[in-house]
Protein backbone atom coordinates (compact mmCIF):
# COMPACT_ATOMS: atom_id res chain seq x y z
CA MET A 1 -5.95 25.83 -7.37
CA PHE A 2 -8.74 23.24 -7.76
CA ASP A 3 -8.72 19.55 -7.02
CA ALA A 4 -8.86 16.95 -9.79
CA GLU A 5 -12.58 16.24 -9.31
CA ILE A 6 -13.54 19.86 -9.93
CA LEU A 7 -11.09 20.29 -12.82
CA ASP A 8 -12.26 17.11 -14.55
CA LEU A 9 -15.91 18.07 -14.17
CA ALA A 10 -15.26 21.64 -15.39
CA ALA A 11 -13.49 20.26 -18.48
CA THR A 12 -16.42 17.93 -19.12
CA VAL A 13 -18.90 20.81 -18.75
CA ILE A 14 -16.94 22.97 -21.18
CA ALA A 15 -16.65 20.18 -23.75
CA ALA A 16 -20.32 19.18 -23.47
CA ASN A 17 -21.58 22.74 -23.78
CA ARG A 18 -19.22 23.43 -26.68
CA ALA A 19 -20.59 20.34 -28.44
CA ALA A 20 -24.16 21.50 -27.71
CA GLY A 21 -23.37 24.99 -29.02
CA ARG A 22 -24.26 26.58 -25.68
CA THR A 23 -22.70 29.42 -23.75
CA ILE A 24 -22.74 29.83 -19.98
CA VAL A 25 -23.20 32.62 -17.47
CA THR A 26 -22.84 32.21 -13.71
CA ALA A 27 -24.47 34.22 -10.94
CA GLU A 28 -22.71 33.39 -7.69
CA SER A 29 -23.07 34.46 -4.11
CA CYS A 30 -21.67 32.05 -1.51
CA THR A 31 -19.23 30.52 -4.01
CA GLY A 32 -17.71 33.92 -4.72
CA GLY A 33 -16.87 33.19 -8.35
CA LEU A 34 -15.44 29.72 -7.83
CA VAL A 35 -17.70 28.14 -10.46
CA ALA A 36 -16.58 30.65 -13.07
CA ALA A 37 -12.96 30.22 -11.96
CA ALA A 38 -13.21 26.44 -12.33
CA LEU A 39 -14.73 26.77 -15.80
CA THR A 40 -12.14 29.28 -16.95
CA GLU A 41 -9.35 27.08 -15.65
CA VAL A 42 -10.06 24.97 -18.75
CA ALA A 43 -8.09 26.00 -21.83
CA GLY A 44 -10.42 27.19 -24.58
CA SER A 45 -13.27 27.97 -22.19
CA SER A 46 -13.65 31.46 -23.65
CA ASP A 47 -15.84 30.10 -26.44
CA VAL A 48 -18.28 28.68 -23.86
CA VAL A 49 -18.15 31.03 -20.85
CA ASP A 50 -19.87 34.32 -21.67
CA ARG A 51 -19.46 36.04 -18.30
CA ALA A 52 -19.85 35.70 -14.55
CA PHE A 53 -21.48 37.72 -11.82
CA VAL A 54 -20.34 37.61 -8.22
CA THR A 55 -23.23 39.13 -6.32
CA TYR A 56 -22.31 38.53 -2.73
CA SER A 57 -24.36 41.31 -1.19
CA ASN A 58 -28.10 41.80 -1.52
CA GLU A 59 -27.41 45.16 -3.15
CA ALA A 60 -25.27 43.47 -5.80
CA LYS A 61 -28.03 40.95 -6.50
CA MET A 62 -30.47 43.82 -7.00
CA GLU A 63 -28.16 46.12 -8.98
CA ALA A 64 -26.34 43.65 -11.23
CA LEU A 65 -29.04 41.02 -11.71
CA GLY A 66 -32.26 42.91 -11.15
CA VAL A 67 -33.38 40.81 -8.19
CA HIS A 68 -36.30 42.68 -6.65
CA SER A 69 -35.91 43.71 -3.01
CA ASP A 70 -39.37 42.30 -2.26
CA LEU A 71 -38.09 38.79 -3.05
CA ILE A 72 -35.16 39.19 -0.69
CA ASP A 73 -37.33 40.72 2.02
CA THR A 74 -40.02 38.06 1.71
CA PHE A 75 -38.04 34.87 1.14
CA GLY A 76 -34.47 35.79 2.13
CA ALA A 77 -31.36 35.90 -0.03
CA VAL A 78 -30.97 32.13 0.37
CA SER A 79 -34.18 31.00 -1.31
CA ILE A 80 -35.42 29.41 -4.49
CA ALA A 81 -37.18 32.66 -5.43
CA VAL A 82 -33.95 34.66 -5.20
CA ALA A 83 -31.83 31.99 -6.93
CA TRP A 84 -34.34 31.83 -9.77
CA ALA A 85 -34.34 35.63 -10.08
CA MET A 86 -30.52 35.59 -10.09
CA ALA A 87 -30.46 33.05 -12.93
CA GLN A 88 -33.04 35.02 -14.92
CA GLY A 89 -31.16 38.26 -14.30
CA ALA A 90 -27.88 36.70 -15.43
CA LEU A 91 -29.48 35.63 -18.71
CA LYS A 92 -30.91 39.11 -19.24
CA ALA A 93 -27.53 40.75 -18.53
CA SER A 94 -25.59 38.41 -20.83
CA HIS A 95 -25.63 36.69 -24.20
CA ALA A 96 -25.45 33.22 -22.67
CA ASP A 97 -27.77 30.32 -23.37
CA ILE A 98 -27.76 28.85 -19.86
CA ALA A 99 -27.37 30.40 -16.43
CA VAL A 100 -26.62 28.81 -13.11
CA ALA A 101 -27.18 30.74 -9.89
CA ILE A 102 -25.91 29.84 -6.43
CA THR A 103 -26.82 31.44 -3.10
CA GLY A 104 -26.22 29.94 0.30
CA ILE A 105 -24.83 29.96 3.79
CA ALA A 106 -21.25 28.73 3.89
CA GLY A 107 -20.68 29.62 7.53
CA PRO A 108 -19.35 29.46 10.03
CA GLY A 109 -22.05 31.97 11.04
CA GLY A 110 -25.18 33.23 9.37
CA GLY A 111 -27.32 30.14 9.72
CA SER A 112 -30.70 29.80 11.42
CA ALA A 113 -33.00 26.98 12.44
CA GLN A 114 -34.83 27.29 9.11
CA LYS A 115 -31.67 27.79 7.02
CA PRO A 116 -28.69 26.27 8.81
CA VAL A 117 -25.08 26.60 7.73
CA GLY A 118 -24.58 24.42 4.67
CA THR A 119 -27.88 25.40 3.03
CA VAL A 120 -27.23 26.23 -0.62
CA VAL A 121 -29.83 27.01 -3.27
CA PHE A 122 -29.25 26.52 -6.99
CA ALA A 123 -31.23 27.60 -10.04
CA VAL A 124 -30.71 26.97 -13.74
CA ALA A 125 -32.41 28.96 -16.49
CA HIS A 126 -32.29 28.48 -20.25
CA ARG A 127 -32.62 31.36 -22.70
CA GLY A 128 -35.80 31.19 -24.72
CA ASP A 129 -37.23 28.26 -22.77
CA PRO A 130 -39.14 29.48 -19.71
CA ASP A 131 -40.51 25.98 -19.11
CA SER A 132 -37.02 24.56 -18.74
CA LYS A 133 -36.19 25.62 -15.22
CA HIS A 134 -34.63 23.91 -12.30
CA ALA A 135 -34.22 25.10 -8.73
CA ASP A 136 -33.20 23.08 -5.73
CA THR A 137 -32.04 23.46 -2.16
CA LYS A 138 -29.18 21.34 -0.88
CA ALA A 139 -28.44 20.81 2.79
CA PHE A 140 -24.74 19.97 2.79
CA GLY A 141 -24.51 20.27 6.56
CA ASP A 142 -21.89 22.16 8.52
CA LEU A 143 -18.89 20.72 6.69
CA GLY A 144 -16.81 23.86 7.13
CA ARG A 145 -16.79 26.86 4.84
CA SER A 146 -14.32 25.51 2.26
CA GLU A 147 -16.02 22.15 1.89
CA ILE A 148 -19.50 23.67 1.62
CA ARG A 149 -18.24 25.93 -1.17
CA ARG A 150 -16.48 23.01 -2.85
CA GLN A 151 -19.65 20.91 -2.78
CA ALA A 152 -21.63 23.86 -4.16
CA VAL A 153 -19.18 24.23 -7.06
CA LEU A 154 -19.50 20.54 -7.91
CA CYS A 155 -23.29 20.74 -7.80
CA ALA A 156 -23.38 23.87 -9.98
CA LEU A 157 -21.06 22.29 -12.54
CA GLU A 158 -23.29 19.21 -12.71
CA LEU A 159 -26.29 21.46 -13.31
CA LEU A 160 -24.53 23.01 -16.32
CA MET A 161 -24.28 19.68 -18.11
CA PRO A 162 -26.58 19.52 -21.12
CA ARG A 163 -29.57 17.27 -20.56
CA GLU A 164 -31.69 15.62 -23.18
CA GLY A 165 -34.14 18.20 -24.42
CA SER A 166 -32.19 21.17 -23.05
């Protein structure tokens, strides 16, 4: 189902988080659950993966993760503000220690001059450490829907690797 690069990275993420004693929750939009699927492809991942949210629609982001409609209306669903709210909401709705959120425009349509196809926003939040936050926008370019999603999965997995001090 996944290529070797994704599977190897997912296995590394599971092992590193297991060693760090951390559990994971994902909040995914444009990746449609692919990050969680890659993680759970690894045998024994159930002791690291707490749960996953696929919140493709704005309504799902609001209902499942508590993203406020004002954030979506003001900044758009593909924004650092919304990704950060998704990550925070995933932590609140789970028992996980770390959350990664992904929202973006995989195409082929839906892009704009300000947010072209291939724009993906990521956020990472850590339970109990509000100062440890990371959010970033990646412009993968119009690589085609599958490749944009693949690149987003790789990026999200990298963000789940324990860092010194986290």
